Amino acid sequence: MGNNSSKINCPIFQKQEPLIKDLTEKISVATAVVQQSTFADRLQEELDILLSCPDHDKERFDCKNCHFIAFLRMTTASLPIKEETPALQRHPMEAGMFGFTD
């Protein structure tokens, strides 16, 4: 796949991309829900910098690619956090009738 950051000629993207990649990786390896949530919030903030770029030009190929990548990464930031759901909160078919289990 290679280094995608070198393909977009934009100093803002070049600065943000390593931070975004790092936070994305931290979300995927974090085991605690609090950590995942914290990293996802920080990822959202970094992506907002790209998506609110004052130099954005909807006709520039680099800008189009930057926003495309940012929107894809936004999906990562908004994915449900991995958490073990307590038995009483599970779907009734998983936890027994009406969610009451021992």
N, C-alpha and C. Protein backbone atom coordinates (compact mmCIF):
# COMPACT_ATOMS: atom_id res chain seq x y z
N MET A 1 0.82 -1.18 0.00
CA MET A 1 0.00 0.00 0.00
C MET A 1 0.87 1.25 0.00
N GLY A 2 1.95 1.26 0.76
CA GLY A 2 2.87 2.38 0.70
C GLY A 2 2.48 3.53 1.60
N ASN A 3 3.16 4.65 1.38
CA ASN A 3 2.95 5.84 2.20
C ASN A 3 1.99 6.78 1.49
N ASN A 4 0.71 6.75 1.87
CA ASN A 4 -0.30 7.57 1.23
C ASN A 4 -0.12 9.05 1.50
N SER A 5 0.49 9.42 2.63
CA SER A 5 0.61 10.83 2.97
C SER A 5 1.46 11.58 1.96
N SER A 6 2.43 10.92 1.33
CA SER A 6 3.29 11.61 0.37
C SER A 6 2.57 11.88 -0.94
N LYS A 7 1.43 11.29 -1.16
CA LYS A 7 0.70 11.46 -2.42
C LYS A 7 -0.21 12.68 -2.41
N ILE A 8 -0.48 13.25 -1.25
CA ILE A 8 -1.34 14.43 -1.16
C ILE A 8 -0.45 15.63 -0.85
N ASN A 9 -0.41 16.55 -1.78
CA ASN A 9 0.46 17.71 -1.67
C ASN A 9 -0.26 18.81 -0.89
N CYS A 10 -0.17 18.71 0.43
CA CYS A 10 -0.82 19.68 1.30
C CYS A 10 -0.11 19.67 2.65
N PRO A 11 0.40 20.82 3.10
CA PRO A 11 1.11 20.82 4.39
C PRO A 11 0.22 20.48 5.58
N ILE A 12 -1.03 20.83 5.52
CA ILE A 12 -1.95 20.51 6.63
C ILE A 12 -2.16 19.00 6.69
N PHE A 13 -2.41 18.38 5.54
CA PHE A 13 -2.58 16.93 5.49
C PHE A 13 -1.30 16.23 5.95
N GLN A 14 -0.15 16.70 5.47
CA GLN A 14 1.13 16.09 5.84
C GLN A 14 1.35 16.14 7.35
N LYS A 15 0.91 17.21 7.99
CA LYS A 15 1.06 17.34 9.43
C LYS A 15 0.07 16.45 10.17
N GLN A 16 -1.17 16.37 9.71
CA GLN A 16 -2.23 15.64 10.41
C GLN A 16 -2.17 14.14 10.19
N GLU A 17 -1.75 13.69 9.04
CA GLU A 17 -1.82 12.27 8.70
C GLU A 17 -1.09 11.36 9.70
N PRO A 18 0.14 11.68 10.12
CA PRO A 18 0.78 10.79 11.10
C PRO A 18 0.02 10.74 12.43
N LEU A 19 -0.53 11.87 12.86
CA LEU A 19 -1.33 11.89 14.10
C LEU A 19 -2.58 11.03 13.95
N ILE A 20 -3.23 11.14 12.81
CA ILE A 20 -4.46 10.39 12.55
C ILE A 20 -4.18 8.89 12.49
N LYS A 21 -3.11 8.51 11.82
CA LYS A 21 -2.73 7.09 11.75
C LYS A 21 -2.42 6.55 13.14
N ASP A 22 -1.70 7.33 13.94
CA ASP A 22 -1.34 6.91 15.28
C ASP A 22 -2.59 6.70 16.14
N LEU A 23 -3.50 7.65 16.10
CA LEU A 23 -4.73 7.52 16.90
C LEU A 23 -5.59 6.35 16.43
N THR A 24 -5.65 6.13 15.13
CA THR A 24 -6.41 5.00 14.58
C THR A 24 -5.85 3.69 15.10
N GLU A 25 -4.52 3.57 15.11
CA GLU A 25 -3.88 2.37 15.62
C GLU A 25 -4.14 2.21 17.12
N LYS A 26 -4.08 3.30 17.87
CA LYS A 26 -4.32 3.23 19.32
C LYS A 26 -5.75 2.78 19.62
N ILE A 27 -6.70 3.20 18.81
CA ILE A 27 -8.09 2.75 18.99
C ILE A 27 -8.18 1.25 18.80
N SER A 28 -7.51 0.75 17.77
CA SER A 28 -7.64 -0.67 17.44
C SER A 28 -6.96 -1.58 18.46
N VAL A 29 -5.94 -1.10 19.16
CA VAL A 29 -5.25 -1.96 20.12
C VAL A 29 -5.67 -1.72 21.57
N ALA A 30 -6.35 -0.62 21.83
CA ALA A 30 -6.78 -0.32 23.20
C ALA A 30 -7.78 -1.37 23.68
N THR A 31 -7.63 -1.79 24.92
CA THR A 31 -8.54 -2.79 25.46
C THR A 31 -9.59 -2.18 26.37
N ALA A 32 -9.30 -1.06 26.96
CA ALA A 32 -10.26 -0.40 27.85
C ALA A 32 -11.17 0.53 27.05
N VAL A 33 -12.44 0.48 27.34
CA VAL A 33 -13.43 1.30 26.66
C VAL A 33 -13.11 2.78 26.82
N VAL A 34 -12.65 3.16 28.01
CA VAL A 34 -12.32 4.56 28.27
C VAL A 34 -11.19 5.02 27.34
N GLN A 35 -10.19 4.17 27.17
CA GLN A 35 -9.08 4.50 26.26
C GLN A 35 -9.58 4.64 24.82
N GLN A 36 -10.37 3.68 24.37
CA GLN A 36 -10.89 3.72 23.01
C GLN A 36 -11.69 5.00 22.78
N SER A 37 -12.51 5.35 23.73
CA SER A 37 -13.34 6.54 23.61
C SER A 37 -12.49 7.81 23.58
N THR A 38 -11.48 7.86 24.42
CA THR A 38 -10.58 9.02 24.46
C THR A 38 -9.85 9.18 23.13
N PHE A 39 -9.30 8.08 22.61
CA PHE A 39 -8.61 8.13 21.32
C PHE A 39 -9.56 8.49 20.19
N ALA A 40 -10.78 7.98 20.23
CA ALA A 40 -11.77 8.29 19.19
C ALA A 40 -12.13 9.78 19.22
N ASP A 41 -12.25 10.34 20.39
CA ASP A 41 -12.53 11.78 20.50
C ASP A 41 -11.37 12.60 19.94
N ARG A 42 -10.16 12.19 20.26
CA ARG A 42 -8.98 12.90 19.74
C ARG A 42 -8.88 12.75 18.23
N LEU A 43 -9.21 11.56 17.72
CA LEU A 43 -9.20 11.34 16.28
C LEU A 43 -10.20 12.26 15.60
N GLN A 44 -11.37 12.38 16.17
CA GLN A 44 -12.40 13.27 15.63
C GLN A 44 -11.88 14.70 15.55
N GLU A 45 -11.19 15.16 16.58
CA GLU A 45 -10.63 16.52 16.59
C GLU A 45 -9.61 16.71 15.47
N GLU A 46 -8.75 15.72 15.28
CA GLU A 46 -7.73 15.82 14.22
C GLU A 46 -8.37 15.80 12.84
N LEU A 47 -9.40 15.00 12.67
CA LEU A 47 -10.10 14.95 11.38
C LEU A 47 -10.85 16.25 11.10
N ASP A 48 -11.38 16.85 12.15
CA ASP A 48 -12.06 18.13 11.98
C ASP A 48 -11.13 19.20 11.43
N ILE A 49 -9.86 19.12 11.78
CA ILE A 49 -8.88 20.07 11.24
C ILE A 49 -8.81 19.94 9.72
N LEU A 50 -8.78 18.70 9.24
CA LEU A 50 -8.75 18.48 7.78
C LEU A 50 -10.05 18.91 7.12
N LEU A 51 -11.15 18.56 7.74
CA LEU A 51 -12.46 18.82 7.12
C LEU A 51 -12.85 20.30 7.18
N SER A 52 -12.21 21.06 8.02
CA SER A 52 -12.51 22.50 8.09
C SER A 52 -11.35 23.34 7.56
N CYS A 53 -10.54 22.76 6.72
CA CYS A 53 -9.35 23.42 6.18
C CYS A 53 -9.73 24.73 5.48
N PRO A 54 -9.09 25.84 5.88
CA PRO A 54 -9.39 27.12 5.24
C PRO A 54 -8.92 27.20 3.80
N ASP A 55 -7.99 26.33 3.41
CA ASP A 55 -7.46 26.33 2.04
C ASP A 55 -8.16 25.33 1.14
N HIS A 56 -9.23 24.70 1.63
CA HIS A 56 -9.92 23.68 0.84
C HIS A 56 -10.45 24.26 -0.48
N ASP A 57 -10.14 23.56 -1.55
CA ASP A 57 -10.61 23.93 -2.89
C ASP A 57 -11.26 22.69 -3.49
N LYS A 58 -12.58 22.73 -3.63
CA LYS A 58 -13.30 21.54 -4.08
C LYS A 58 -12.91 21.08 -5.48
N GLU A 59 -12.17 21.89 -6.20
CA GLU A 59 -11.72 21.51 -7.55
C GLU A 59 -10.34 20.85 -7.55
N ARG A 60 -9.58 21.01 -6.48
CA ARG A 60 -8.23 20.43 -6.42
C ARG A 60 -8.30 18.94 -6.09
N PHE A 61 -7.55 18.16 -6.85
CA PHE A 61 -7.50 16.72 -6.66
C PHE A 61 -7.00 16.37 -5.26
N ASP A 62 -5.95 17.07 -4.79
CA ASP A 62 -5.42 16.80 -3.45
C ASP A 62 -6.47 17.07 -2.37
N CYS A 63 -7.23 18.13 -2.52
CA CYS A 63 -8.28 18.45 -1.54
C CYS A 63 -9.38 17.39 -1.56
N LYS A 64 -9.74 16.94 -2.74
CA LYS A 64 -10.76 15.89 -2.84
C LYS A 64 -10.29 14.62 -2.14
N ASN A 65 -9.04 14.24 -2.38
CA ASN A 65 -8.50 13.04 -1.75
C ASN A 65 -8.39 13.19 -0.24
N CYS A 66 -7.97 14.36 0.20
CA CYS A 66 -7.86 14.62 1.63
C CYS A 66 -9.21 14.46 2.32
N HIS A 67 -10.23 15.06 1.76
CA HIS A 67 -11.56 14.96 2.37
C HIS A 67 -12.10 13.53 2.29
N PHE A 68 -11.83 12.84 1.20
CA PHE A 68 -12.26 11.45 1.08
C PHE A 68 -11.63 10.60 2.19
N ILE A 69 -10.32 10.75 2.37
CA ILE A 69 -9.62 9.99 3.41
C ILE A 69 -10.14 10.38 4.79
N ALA A 70 -10.36 11.67 5.01
CA ALA A 70 -10.86 12.12 6.31
C ALA A 70 -12.24 11.54 6.61
N PHE A 71 -13.11 11.50 5.60
CA PHE A 71 -14.44 10.92 5.82
C PHE A 71 -14.35 9.42 6.11
N LEU A 72 -13.45 8.72 5.44
CA LEU A 72 -13.26 7.30 5.74
C LEU A 72 -12.76 7.10 7.17
N ARG A 73 -11.82 7.90 7.58
CA ARG A 73 -11.29 7.79 8.93
C ARG A 73 -12.33 8.21 9.97
N MET A 74 -13.23 9.09 9.58
CA MET A 74 -14.31 9.51 10.48
C MET A 74 -15.15 8.29 10.87
N THR A 75 -15.28 7.35 9.95
CA THR A 75 -16.00 6.11 10.23
C THR A 75 -15.34 5.37 11.39
N THR A 76 -14.02 5.33 11.38
CA THR A 76 -13.29 4.69 12.48
C THR A 76 -13.59 5.37 13.81
N ALA A 77 -13.61 6.68 13.78
CA ALA A 77 -13.85 7.44 15.02
C ALA A 77 -15.26 7.25 15.54
N SER A 78 -16.19 6.92 14.65
CA SER A 78 -17.58 6.82 15.08
C SER A 78 -18.06 5.37 15.25
N LEU A 79 -17.17 4.39 15.03
CA LEU A 79 -17.56 2.99 15.22
C LEU A 79 -17.86 2.74 16.69
N PRO A 80 -18.76 1.80 16.95
CA PRO A 80 -19.06 1.48 18.35
C PRO A 80 -17.80 1.01 19.07
N ILE A 81 -17.69 1.41 20.30
CA ILE A 81 -16.57 1.01 21.13
C ILE A 81 -16.74 -0.45 21.53
N LYS A 82 -15.64 -1.21 21.48
CA LYS A 82 -15.67 -2.62 21.87
C LYS A 82 -15.89 -2.71 23.38
N GLU A 83 -16.96 -3.34 23.75
CA GLU A 83 -17.26 -3.44 25.18
C GLU A 83 -18.00 -4.74 25.43
N GLU A 84 -17.69 -5.38 26.52
CA GLU A 84 -18.45 -6.56 26.93
C GLU A 84 -19.74 -6.07 27.56
N THR A 85 -20.86 -6.41 26.95
CA THR A 85 -22.15 -5.97 27.44
C THR A 85 -22.59 -6.85 28.60
N PRO A 86 -22.98 -6.26 29.72
CA PRO A 86 -23.48 -7.07 30.85
C PRO A 86 -24.69 -7.90 30.43
N ALA A 87 -24.87 -9.04 31.07
CA ALA A 87 -25.94 -9.97 30.69
C ALA A 87 -27.31 -9.33 30.70
N LEU A 88 -27.59 -8.46 31.66
CA LEU A 88 -28.93 -7.87 31.73
C LEU A 88 -29.20 -6.87 30.62
N GLN A 89 -28.17 -6.43 29.90
CA GLN A 89 -28.37 -5.49 28.82
C GLN A 89 -28.35 -6.15 27.45
N ARG A 90 -28.05 -7.41 27.40
CA ARG A 90 -28.02 -8.13 26.13
C ARG A 90 -29.41 -8.32 25.57
N HIS A 91 -29.42 -8.65 24.31
CA HIS A 91 -30.68 -8.96 23.64
C HIS A 91 -31.31 -10.17 24.35
N PRO A 92 -32.64 -10.21 24.51
CA PRO A 92 -33.29 -11.32 25.23
C PRO A 92 -32.92 -12.69 24.70
N MET A 93 -32.67 -12.83 23.41
CA MET A 93 -32.32 -14.14 22.87
C MET A 93 -30.91 -14.56 23.29
N GLU A 94 -30.05 -13.60 23.59
CA GLU A 94 -28.69 -13.93 24.04
C GLU A 94 -28.65 -14.22 25.53
N ALA A 95 -29.41 -13.48 26.31
CA ALA A 95 -29.29 -13.53 27.75
C ALA A 95 -30.38 -14.35 28.42
N GLY A 96 -31.27 -14.92 27.67
CA GLY A 96 -32.38 -15.65 28.25
C GLY A 96 -33.61 -14.75 28.21
N MET A 97 -34.75 -15.31 28.47
CA MET A 97 -35.99 -14.58 28.38
C MET A 97 -35.96 -13.31 29.23
N PHE A 98 -36.26 -12.18 28.64
CA PHE A 98 -36.32 -10.86 29.28
C PHE A 98 -34.96 -10.38 29.80
N GLY A 99 -33.88 -11.04 29.43
CA GLY A 99 -32.55 -10.58 29.82
C GLY A 99 -32.16 -10.93 31.24
N PHE A 100 -32.94 -11.72 31.94
CA PHE A 100 -32.58 -12.09 33.31
C PHE A 100 -31.77 -13.37 33.28
N THR A 101 -30.55 -13.26 33.75
CA THR A 101 -29.68 -14.45 33.83
C THR A 101 -29.01 -14.49 35.18
N ASP A 102 -28.40 -15.60 35.47
CA ASP A 102 -27.64 -15.74 36.73
C ASP A 102 -26.26 -15.18 36.56
